[in-house]
PDB file of N, CA and C in Angstrom:
ATOM      1  N   MET A   1     -13.082  -2.348  60.778  1.00  0.00           N
ATOM      2  CA  MET A   1     -12.162  -2.755  59.792  1.00  0.00           C
ATOM      3  C   MET A   1     -11.207  -3.794  60.424  1.00  0.00           C
ATOM      4  N   PRO A   2     -11.084  -4.963  59.875  1.00  0.00           N
ATOM      5  CA  PRO A   2     -10.194  -5.972  60.464  1.00  0.00           C
ATOM      6  C   PRO A   2      -8.726  -5.567  60.246  1.00  0.00           C
ATOM      7  N   PRO A   3      -7.875  -6.066  61.185  1.00  0.00           N
ATOM      8  CA  PRO A   3      -6.417  -5.814  61.028  1.00  0.00           C
ATOM      9  C   PRO A   3      -5.950  -6.375  59.663  1.00  0.00           C
ATOM     10  N   ALA A   4      -4.848  -5.839  59.193  1.00  0.00           N
ATOM     11  CA  ALA A   4      -4.323  -6.255  57.897  1.00  0.00           C
ATOM     12  C   ALA A   4      -4.089  -7.768  57.818  1.00  0.00           C
ATOM     13  N   ARG A   5      -3.620  -8.374  58.873  1.00  0.00           N
ATOM     14  CA  ARG A   5      -3.350  -9.825  58.784  1.00  0.00           C
ATOM     15  C   ARG A   5      -4.637 -10.662  58.751  1.00  0.00           C
ATOM     16  N   PHE A   6      -5.760 -10.025  59.017  1.00  0.00           N
ATOM     17  CA  PHE A   6      -7.055 -10.720  58.918  1.00  0.00           C
ATOM     18  C   PHE A   6      -7.953 -10.022  57.931  1.00  0.00           C
ATOM     19  N   SER A   7      -7.362  -9.520  56.886  1.00  0.00           N
ATOM     20  CA  SER A   7      -8.119  -8.705  55.920  1.00  0.00           C
ATOM     21  C   SER A   7      -9.233  -9.493  55.257  1.00  0.00           C
ATOM     22  N   GLN A   8      -9.124 -10.821  55.163  1.00  0.00           N
ATOM     23  CA  GLN A   8     -10.158 -11.598  54.547  1.00  0.00           C
ATOM     24  C   GLN A   8     -11.277 -11.999  55.514  1.00  0.00           C
ATOM     25  N   ALA A   9     -11.050 -11.745  56.803  1.00  0.00           N
ATOM     26  CA  ALA A   9     -12.104 -12.064  57.829  1.00  0.00           C
ATOM     27  C   ALA A   9     -13.146 -10.998  57.851  1.00  0.00           C
ATOM     28  N   PRO A  10     -14.420 -11.353  57.788  1.00  0.00           N
ATOM     29  CA  PRO A  10     -15.440 -10.299  57.881  1.00  0.00           C
ATOM     30  C   PRO A  10     -15.559  -9.717  59.316  1.00  0.00           C
ATOM     31  N   THR A  11     -15.921  -8.466  59.376  1.00  0.00           N
ATOM     32  CA  THR A  11     -16.233  -7.895  60.701  1.00  0.00           C
ATOM     33  C   THR A  11     -17.573  -8.438  61.153  1.00  0.00           C
ATOM     34  N   LEU A  12     -17.909  -8.213  62.423  1.00  0.00           N
ATOM     35  CA  LEU A  12     -19.204  -8.708  62.923  1.00  0.00           C
ATOM     36  C   LEU A  12     -20.347  -8.073  62.103  1.00  0.00           C
ATOM     37  N   ILE A  13     -20.187  -6.775  61.788  1.00  0.00           N
ATOM     38  CA  ILE A  13     -21.247  -6.106  60.999  1.00  0.00           C
ATOM     39  C   ILE A  13     -21.366  -6.724  59.581  1.00  0.00           C
ATOM     40  N   GLU A  14     -20.207  -7.019  59.007  1.00  0.00           N
ATOM     41  CA  GLU A  14     -20.239  -7.670  57.655  1.00  0.00           C
ATOM     42  C   GLU A  14     -20.855  -9.049  57.711  1.00  0.00           C
ATOM     43  N   ALA A  15     -20.709  -9.696  58.891  1.00  0.00           N
ATOM     44  CA  ALA A  15     -21.274 -11.015  59.053  1.00  0.00           C
ATOM     45  C   ALA A  15     -22.764 -11.006  59.425  1.00  0.00           C
ATOM     46  N   GLY A  16     -23.301  -9.791  59.535  1.00  0.00           N
ATOM     47  CA  GLY A  16     -24.753  -9.713  59.791  1.00  0.00           C
ATOM     48  C   GLY A  16     -25.121  -9.349  61.219  1.00  0.00           C
ATOM     49  N   TYR A  17     -24.111  -9.082  62.065  1.00  0.00           N
ATOM     50  CA  TYR A  17     -24.391  -8.751  63.463  1.00  0.00           C
ATOM     51  C   TYR A  17     -24.147  -7.239  63.667  1.00  0.00           C
ATOM     52  N   ASP A  18     -25.191  -6.525  64.004  1.00  0.00           N
ATOM     53  CA  ASP A  18     -25.090  -5.084  64.164  1.00  0.00           C
ATOM     54  C   ASP A  18     -24.519  -4.747  65.550  1.00  0.00           C
ATOM     55  N   VAL A  19     -23.250  -5.017  65.700  1.00  0.00           N
ATOM     56  CA  VAL A  19     -22.587  -4.810  66.977  1.00  0.00           C
ATOM     57  C   VAL A  19     -21.097  -4.550  66.793  1.00  0.00           C
ATOM     58  N   THR A  20     -20.603  -3.661  67.628  1.00  0.00           N
ATOM     59  CA  THR A  20     -19.147  -3.410  67.668  1.00  0.00           C
ATOM     60  C   THR A  20     -18.718  -3.404  69.137  1.00  0.00           C
ATOM     61  N   PHE A  21     -17.510  -3.698  69.413  1.00  0.00           N
ATOM     62  CA  PHE A  21     -17.017  -3.715  70.772  1.00  0.00           C
ATOM     63  C   PHE A  21     -15.666  -2.963  70.819  1.00  0.00           C
ATOM     64  N   PRO A  22     -15.723  -1.686  71.254  1.00  0.00           N
ATOM     65  CA  PRO A  22     -14.547  -0.924  71.349  1.00  0.00           C
ATOM     66  C   PRO A  22     -13.675  -1.471  72.523  1.00  0.00           C
ATOM     67  N   SER A  23     -12.432  -1.221  72.424  1.00  0.00           N
ATOM     68  CA  SER A  23     -11.523  -1.629  73.532  1.00  0.00           C
ATOM     69  C   SER A  23     -10.615  -0.416  73.862  1.00  0.00           C
ATOM     70  N   PRO A  24     -11.269   0.592  74.459  1.00  0.00           N
ATOM     71  CA  PRO A  24     -10.523   1.839  74.745  1.00  0.00           C
ATOM     72  C   PRO A  24      -9.511   1.649  75.885  1.00  0.00           C
ATOM     73  N   LEU A  25      -8.421   2.291  75.719  1.00  0.00           N
ATOM     74  CA  LEU A  25      -7.429   2.425  76.798  1.00  0.00           C
ATOM     75  C   LEU A  25      -7.475   3.893  77.209  1.00  0.00           C
ATOM     76  N   GLU A  26      -7.941   4.143  78.408  1.00  0.00           N
ATOM     77  CA  GLU A  26      -8.145   5.525  78.807  1.00  0.00           C
ATOM     78  C   GLU A  26      -7.487   5.758  80.163  1.00  0.00           C
ATOM     79  N   VAL A  27      -7.233   7.009  80.388  1.00  0.00           N
ATOM     80  CA  VAL A  27      -6.781   7.417  81.712  1.00  0.00           C
ATOM     81  C   VAL A  27      -7.860   8.367  82.219  1.00  0.00           C
ATOM     82  N   VAL A  28      -8.386   8.062  83.404  1.00  0.00           N
ATOM     83  CA  VAL A  28      -9.472   8.887  83.965  1.00  0.00           C
ATOM     84  C   VAL A  28      -9.056   9.339  85.401  1.00  0.00           C
ATOM     85  N   GLY A  29      -9.646  10.417  85.774  1.00  0.00           N
ATOM     86  CA  GLY A  29      -9.365  10.954  87.096  1.00  0.00           C
ATOM     87  C   GLY A  29     -10.654  11.223  87.853  1.00  0.00           C
ATOM     88  N   PRO A  30     -10.520  11.633  89.072  1.00  0.00           N
ATOM     89  CA  PRO A  30     -11.746  11.876  89.874  1.00  0.00           C
ATOM     90  C   PRO A  30     -12.494  13.103  89.412  1.00  0.00           C
ATOM     91  N   LYS A  31     -13.771  13.113  89.611  1.00  0.00           N
ATOM     92  CA  LYS A  31     -14.610  14.225  89.273  1.00  0.00           C
ATOM     93  C   LYS A  31     -14.059  15.494  90.034  1.00  0.00           C
ATOM     94  N   GLY A  32     -14.031  16.636  89.322  1.00  0.00           N
ATOM     95  CA  GLY A  32     -13.595  17.877  89.952  1.00  0.00           C
ATOM     96  C   GLY A  32     -12.093  18.060  89.889  1.00  0.00           C
ATOM     97  N   LEU A  33     -11.404  17.191  89.172  1.00  0.00           N
ATOM     98  CA  LEU A  33      -9.921  17.387  89.023  1.00  0.00           C
ATOM     99  C   LEU A  33      -9.665  18.746  88.425  1.00  0.00           C
ATOM    100  N   PRO A  34      -8.769  19.578  88.988  1.00  0.00           N
ATOM    101  CA  PRO A  34      -8.559  20.893  88.448  1.00  0.00           C
ATOM    102  C   PRO A  34      -8.153  20.856  87.002  1.00  0.00           C
ATOM    103  N   GLU A  35      -8.695  21.781  86.206  1.00  0.00           N
ATOM    104  CA  GLU A  35      -8.454  21.835  84.762  1.00  0.00           C
ATOM    105  C   GLU A  35      -6.987  21.883  84.391  1.00  0.00           C
ATOM    106  N   PRO A  36      -6.136  22.643  85.093  1.00  0.00           N
ATOM    107  CA  PRO A  36      -4.725  22.665  84.702  1.00  0.00           C
ATOM    108  C   PRO A  36      -4.097  21.245  84.806  1.00  0.00           C
ATOM    109  N   ILE A  37      -4.529  20.471  85.760  1.00  0.00           N
ATOM    110  CA  ILE A  37      -3.965  19.116  85.929  1.00  0.00           C
ATOM    111  C   ILE A  37      -4.538  18.263  84.814  1.00  0.00           C
ATOM    112  N   VAL A  38      -5.809  18.392  84.471  1.00  0.00           N
ATOM    113  CA  VAL A  38      -6.411  17.604  83.388  1.00  0.00           C
ATOM    114  C   VAL A  38      -5.628  17.910  82.076  1.00  0.00           C
ATOM    115  N   GLN A  39      -5.397  19.199  81.820  1.00  0.00           N
ATOM    116  CA  GLN A  39      -4.696  19.578  80.593  1.00  0.00           C
ATOM    117  C   GLN A  39      -3.281  19.100  80.570  1.00  0.00           C
ATOM    118  N   ASN A  40      -2.614  19.145  81.685  1.00  0.00           N
ATOM    119  CA  ASN A  40      -1.207  18.701  81.781  1.00  0.00           C
ATOM    120  C   ASN A  40      -1.102  17.192  81.456  1.00  0.00           C
ATOM    121  N   LEU A  41      -1.981  16.425  82.114  1.00  0.00           N
ATOM    122  CA  LEU A  41      -1.989  14.953  81.885  1.00  0.00           C
ATOM    123  C   LEU A  41      -2.380  14.658  80.467  1.00  0.00           C
ATOM    124  N   HIS A  42      -3.399  15.375  79.971  1.00  0.00           N
ATOM    125  CA  HIS A  42      -3.880  15.195  78.617  1.00  0.00           C
ATOM    126  C   HIS A  42      -2.736  15.372  77.583  1.00  0.00           C
ATOM    127  N   MET A  43      -2.049  16.413  77.719  1.00  0.00           N
ATOM    128  CA  MET A  43      -0.934  16.728  76.764  1.00  0.00           C
ATOM    129  C   MET A  43       0.190  15.685  76.863  1.00  0.00           C
ATOM    130  N   ALA A  44       0.477  15.257  78.118  1.00  0.00           N
ATOM    131  CA  ALA A  44       1.518  14.253  78.258  1.00  0.00           C
ATOM    132  C   ALA A  44       1.152  12.932  77.553  1.00  0.00           C
ATOM    133  N   PHE A  45      -0.105  12.467  77.734  1.00  0.00           N
ATOM    134  CA  PHE A  45      -0.544  11.240  77.094  1.00  0.00           C
ATOM    135  C   PHE A  45      -0.712  11.410  75.649  1.00  0.00           C
ATOM    136  N   LYS A  46      -1.195  12.575  75.219  1.00  0.00           N
ATOM    137  CA  LYS A  46      -1.371  12.815  73.748  1.00  0.00           C
ATOM    138  C   LYS A  46       0.001  12.744  73.052  1.00  0.00           C
ATOM    139  N   ASN A  47       0.992  13.338  73.658  1.00  0.00           N
ATOM    140  CA  ASN A  47       2.352  13.302  73.085  1.00  0.00           C
ATOM    141  C   ASN A  47       2.919  11.906  73.117  1.00  0.00           C
ATOM    142  N   ALA A  48       2.651  11.155  74.159  1.00  0.00           N
ATOM    143  CA  ALA A  48       3.160   9.816  74.284  1.00  0.00           C
ATOM    144  C   ALA A  48       2.598   8.868  73.198  1.00  0.00           C
ATOM    145  N   MET A  49       1.371   9.177  72.749  1.00  0.00           N
ATOM    146  CA  MET A  49       0.739   8.336  71.741  1.00  0.00           C
ATOM    147  C   MET A  49       1.587   8.273  70.472  1.00  0.00           C
ATOM    148  N   GLY A  50       2.372   9.278  70.199  1.00  0.00           N
ATOM    149  CA  GLY A  50       3.217   9.297  68.986  1.00  0.00           C
ATOM    150  C   GLY A  50       4.534   8.619  69.150  1.00  0.00           C
ATOM    151  N   ASP A  51       4.857   8.165  70.333  1.00  0.00           N
ATOM    152  CA  ASP A  51       6.165   7.526  70.640  1.00  0.00           C
ATOM    153  C   ASP A  51       6.353   6.286  69.757  1.00  0.00           C
ATOM    154  N   ALA A  52       7.537   6.079  69.201  1.00  0.00           N
ATOM    155  CA  ALA A  52       7.785   4.939  68.326  1.00  0.00           C
ATOM    156  C   ALA A  52       7.539   3.595  69.022  1.00  0.00           C
ATOM    157  N   GLU A  53       7.924   3.472  70.288  1.00  0.00           N
ATOM    158  CA  GLU A  53       7.749   2.229  71.012  1.00  0.00           C
ATOM    159  C   GLU A  53       6.250   1.968  71.208  1.00  0.00           C
ATOM    160  N   HIS A  54       5.481   2.993  71.501  1.00  0.00           N
ATOM    161  CA  HIS A  54       4.036   2.843  71.686  1.00  0.00           C
ATOM    162  C   HIS A  54       3.427   2.389  70.327  1.00  0.00           C
ATOM    163  N   GLN A  55       3.817   3.042  69.270  1.00  0.00           N
ATOM    164  CA  GLN A  55       3.305   2.670  67.952  1.00  0.00           C
ATOM    165  C   GLN A  55       3.669   1.226  67.581  1.00  0.00           C
ATOM    166  N   ALA A  56       4.836   0.747  67.981  1.00  0.00           N
ATOM    167  CA  ALA A  56       5.216  -0.611  67.686  1.00  0.00           C
ATOM    168  C   ALA A  56       4.362  -1.614  68.442  1.00  0.00           C
ATOM    169  N   VAL A  57       4.037  -1.306  69.700  1.00  0.00           N
ATOM    170  CA  VAL A  57       3.179  -2.189  70.484  1.00  0.00           C
ATOM    171  C   VAL A  57       1.771  -2.252  69.882  1.00  0.00           C
ATOM    172  N   LEU A  58       1.246  -1.097  69.477  1.00  0.00           N
ATOM    173  CA  LEU A  58      -0.046  -1.067  68.801  1.00  0.00           C
ATOM    174  C   LEU A  58      -0.037  -1.918  67.572  1.00  0.00           C
ATOM    175  N   LYS A  59       0.965  -1.821  66.793  1.00  0.00           N
ATOM    176  CA  LYS A  59       1.056  -2.561  65.533  1.00  0.00           C
ATOM    177  C   LYS A  59       1.129  -4.099  65.863  1.00  0.00           C
ATOM    178  N   LYS A  60       1.941  -4.441  66.861  1.00  0.00           N
ATOM    179  CA  LYS A  60       2.105  -5.828  67.217  1.00  0.00           C
ATOM    180  C   LYS A  60       0.767  -6.510  67.561  1.00  0.00           C
ATOM    181  N   PHE A  61      -0.143  -5.753  68.197  1.00  0.00           N
ATOM    182  CA  PHE A  61      -1.412  -6.293  68.633  1.00  0.00           C
ATOM    183  C   PHE A  61      -2.578  -5.842  67.751  1.00  0.00           C
ATOM    184  N   ASP A  62      -2.246  -5.321  66.532  1.00  0.00           N
ATOM    185  CA  ASP A  62      -3.253  -4.876  65.583  1.00  0.00           C
ATOM    186  C   ASP A  62      -4.219  -3.876  66.166  1.00  0.00           C
ATOM    187  N   MET A  63      -3.726  -2.973  66.957  1.00  0.00           N
ATOM    188  CA  MET A  63      -4.578  -1.927  67.591  1.00  0.00           C
ATOM    189  C   MET A  63      -4.396  -0.628  66.863  1.00  0.00           C
ATOM    190  N   SER A  64      -5.489   0.127  66.798  1.00  0.00           N
ATOM    191  CA  SER A  64      -5.385   1.455  66.175  1.00  0.00           C
ATOM    192  C   SER A  64      -5.067   2.488  67.255  1.00  0.00           C
ATOM    193  N   ASN A  65      -4.602   3.628  66.840  1.00  0.00           N
ATOM    194  CA  ASN A  65      -4.285   4.720  67.734  1.00  0.00           C
ATOM    195  C   ASN A  65      -5.346   5.807  67.540  1.00  0.00           C
ATOM    196  N   LEU A  66      -6.341   5.809  68.362  1.00  0.00           N
ATOM    197  CA  LEU A  66      -7.425   6.758  68.221  1.00  0.00           C
ATOM    198  C   LEU A  66      -7.315   7.818  69.352  1.00  0.00           C
ATOM    199  N   TYR A  67      -7.098   9.030  68.933  1.00  0.00           N
ATOM    200  CA  TYR A  67      -6.998  10.158  69.851  1.00  0.00           C
ATOM    201  C   TYR A  67      -8.337  10.777  70.112  1.00  0.00           C
ATOM    202  N   LEU A  68      -8.714  10.988  71.361  1.00  0.00           N
ATOM    203  CA  LEU A  68      -9.928  11.718  71.734  1.00  0.00           C
ATOM    204  C   LEU A  68      -9.504  12.757  72.799  1.00  0.00           C
ATOM    205  N   SER A  69     -10.048  13.966  72.627  1.00  0.00           N
ATOM    206  CA  SER A  69      -9.853  14.978  73.663  1.00  0.00           C
ATOM    207  C   SER A  69     -10.570  14.561  74.970  1.00  0.00           C
ATOM    208  N   PRO A  70     -10.263  15.190  76.054  1.00  0.00           N
ATOM    209  CA  PRO A  70     -10.995  14.819  77.283  1.00  0.00           C
ATOM    210  C   PRO A  70     -12.519  14.943  77.117  1.00  0.00           C
ATOM    211  N   GLU A  71     -12.927  15.976  76.426  1.00  0.00           N
ATOM    212  CA  GLU A  71     -14.373  16.188  76.210  1.00  0.00           C
ATOM    213  C   GLU A  71     -14.976  15.047  75.317  1.00  0.00           C
ATOM    214  N   ASP A  72     -14.286  14.753  74.231  1.00  0.00           N
ATOM    215  CA  ASP A  72     -14.756  13.721  73.311  1.00  0.00           C
ATOM    216  C   ASP A  72     -14.688  12.346  73.975  1.00  0.00           C
ATOM    217  N   SER A  73     -13.702  12.109  74.815  1.00  0.00           N
ATOM    218  CA  SER A  73     -13.631  10.847  75.537  1.00  0.00           C
ATOM    219  C   SER A  73     -14.804  10.678  76.485  1.00  0.00           C
ATOM    220  N   THR A  74     -15.175  11.732  77.155  1.00  0.00           N
ATOM    221  CA  THR A  74     -16.326  11.729  78.059  1.00  0.00           C
ATOM    222  C   THR A  74     -17.600  11.414  77.254  1.00  0.00           C
ATOM    223  N   LYS A  75     -17.772  12.094  76.147  1.00  0.00           N
ATOM    224  CA  LYS A  75     -18.945  11.831  75.308  1.00  0.00           C
ATOM    225  C   LYS A  75     -18.989  10.388  74.836  1.00  0.00           C
ATOM    226  N   ALA A  76     -17.892   9.884  74.360  1.00  0.00           N
ATOM    227  CA  ALA A  76     -17.846   8.512  73.875  1.00  0.00           C
ATOM    228  C   ALA A  76     -18.120   7.503  74.967  1.00  0.00           C
ATOM    229  N   SER A  77     -17.575   7.730  76.142  1.00  0.00           N
ATOM    230  CA  SER A  77     -17.825   6.812  77.267  1.00  0.00           C
ATOM    231  C   SER A  77     -19.305   6.831  77.671  1.00  0.00           C
ATOM    232  N   ARG A  78     -19.851   8.006  77.733  1.00  0.00           N
ATOM    233  CA  ARG A  78     -21.293   8.089  78.081  1.00  0.00           C
ATOM    234  C   ARG A  78     -22.175   7.389  77.045  1.00  0.00           C
ATOM    235  N   ALA A  79     -21.864   7.595  75.770  1.00  0.00           N
ATOM    236  CA  ALA A  79     -22.641   6.944  74.688  1.00  0.00           C
ATOM    237  C   ALA A  79     -22.495   5.429  74.798  1.00  0.00           C
ATOM    238  N   GLU A  80     -21.312   4.904  75.130  1.00  0.00           N
ATOM    239  CA  GLU A  80     -21.105   3.465  75.205  1.00  0.00           C
ATOM    240  C   GLU A  80     -21.882   2.911  76.404  1.00  0.00           C
ATOM    241  N   VAL A  81     -21.868   3.592  77.497  1.00  0.00           N
ATOM    242  CA  VAL A  81     -22.642   3.160  78.700  1.00  0.00           C
ATOM    243  C   VAL A  81     -24.088   3.114  78.381  1.00  0.00           C
ATOM    244  N   GLU A  82     -24.639   4.131  77.659  1.00  0.00           N
ATOM    245  CA  GLU A  82     -26.012   4.150  77.289  1.00  0.00           C
ATOM    246  C   GLU A  82     -26.303   2.959  76.346  1.00  0.00           C
ATOM    247  N   LYS A  83     -25.455   2.733  75.385  1.00  0.00           N
ATOM    248  CA  LYS A  83     -25.674   1.631  74.458  1.00  0.00           C
ATOM    249  C   LYS A  83     -25.673   0.270  75.150  1.00  0.00           C
ATOM    250  N   ILE A  84     -24.730   0.059  76.072  1.00  0.00           N
ATOM    251  CA  ILE A  84     -24.701  -1.202  76.778  1.00  0.00           C
ATOM    252  C   ILE A  84     -25.906  -1.317  77.730  1.00  0.00           C
ATOM    253  N   GLY A  85     -26.311  -0.199  78.326  1.00  0.00           N
ATOM    254  CA  GLY A  85     -27.475  -0.209  79.162  1.00  0.00           C
ATOM    255  C   GLY A  85     -28.751  -0.688  78.469  1.00  0.00           C
ATOM    256  N   LYS A  86     -28.890  -0.233  77.187  1.00  0.00           N
ATOM    257  CA  LYS A  86     -30.062  -0.670  76.382  1.00  0.00           C
ATOM    258  C   LYS A  86     -29.993  -2.154  76.101  1.00  0.00           C
ATOM    259  N   ILE A  87     -28.796  -2.652  75.842  1.00  0.00           N
ATOM    260  CA  ILE A  87     -28.627  -4.092  75.595  1.00  0.00           C
ATOM    261  C   ILE A  87     -28.956  -4.887  76.838  1.00  0.00           C
ATOM    262  N   VAL A  88     -28.473  -4.426  77.968  1.00  0.00           N
ATOM    263  CA  VAL A  88     -28.800  -5.123  79.274  1.00  0.00           C
ATOM    264  C   VAL A  88     -30.277  -5.159  79.503  1.00  0.00           C
ATOM    265  N   GLN A  89     -30.967  -4.003  79.260  1.00  0.00           N
ATOM    266  CA  GLN A  89     -32.420  -3.964  79.471  1.00  0.00           C
ATOM    267  C   GLN A  89     -33.096  -4.879  78.461  1.00  0.00           C
ATOM    268  N   THR A  90     -32.688  -4.837  77.215  1.00  0.00           N
ATOM    269  CA  THR A  90     -33.343  -5.695  76.190  1.00  0.00           C
ATOM    270  C   THR A  90     -33.214  -7.155  76.548  1.00  0.00           C
ATOM    271  N   LEU A  91     -32.077  -7.538  77.096  1.00  0.00           N
ATOM    272  CA  LEU A  91     -31.855  -8.937  77.415  1.00  0.00           C
ATOM    273  C   LEU A  91     -32.385  -9.276  78.814  1.00  0.00           C
ATOM    274  N   GLY A  92     -32.918  -8.256  79.552  1.00  0.00           N
ATOM    275  CA  GLY A  92     -33.458  -8.528  80.869  1.00  0.00           C
ATOM    276  C   GLY A  92     -32.373  -8.868  81.918  1.00  0.00           C
ATOM    277  N   LEU A  93     -31.237  -8.305  81.739  1.00  0.00           N
ATOM    278  CA  LEU A  93     -30.093  -8.627  82.645  1.00  0.00           C
ATOM    279  C   LEU A  93     -29.931  -7.612  83.758  1.00  0.00           C
ATOM    280  N   GLN A  94     -30.723  -6.577  83.786  1.00  0.00           N
ATOM    281  CA  GLN A  94     -30.534  -5.549  84.811  1.00  0.00           C
ATOM    282  C   GLN A  94     -30.833  -6.050  86.235  1.00  0.00           C
ATOM    283  N   LYS A  95     -30.142  -5.528  87.186  1.00  0.00           N
ATOM    284  CA  LYS A  95     -30.332  -5.912  88.583  1.00  0.00           C
ATOM    285  C   LYS A  95     -31.727  -5.500  89.007  1.00  0.00           C
ATOM    286  N   LYS A  96     -32.428  -6.387  89.704  1.00  0.00           N
ATOM    287  CA  LYS A  96     -33.803  -6.119  90.140  1.00  0.00           C
ATOM    288  C   LYS A  96     -33.848  -5.787  91.610  1.00  0.00           C
TER     289      LYS A  96
END
């Protein structure tokens, strides 16, 4: 869905291109990070997402505020890597 100020502009899908490009802002840590630390960081960032200043910056740049749990974020990242990998293979761009 286009930002309000571009409401008349078609999305890529509406223009006939079956493609989307997410622009996630994520915080990631090393594999094996202890669960209490993961949850502490997760809650701090989840709470910060509701901050008025954060909301104002999102609005300024026509960005949406999409919350994903650590598990859902991992799933989404893996799905995106798989999707991009298929595009790379289809276009013959993989490293040989």
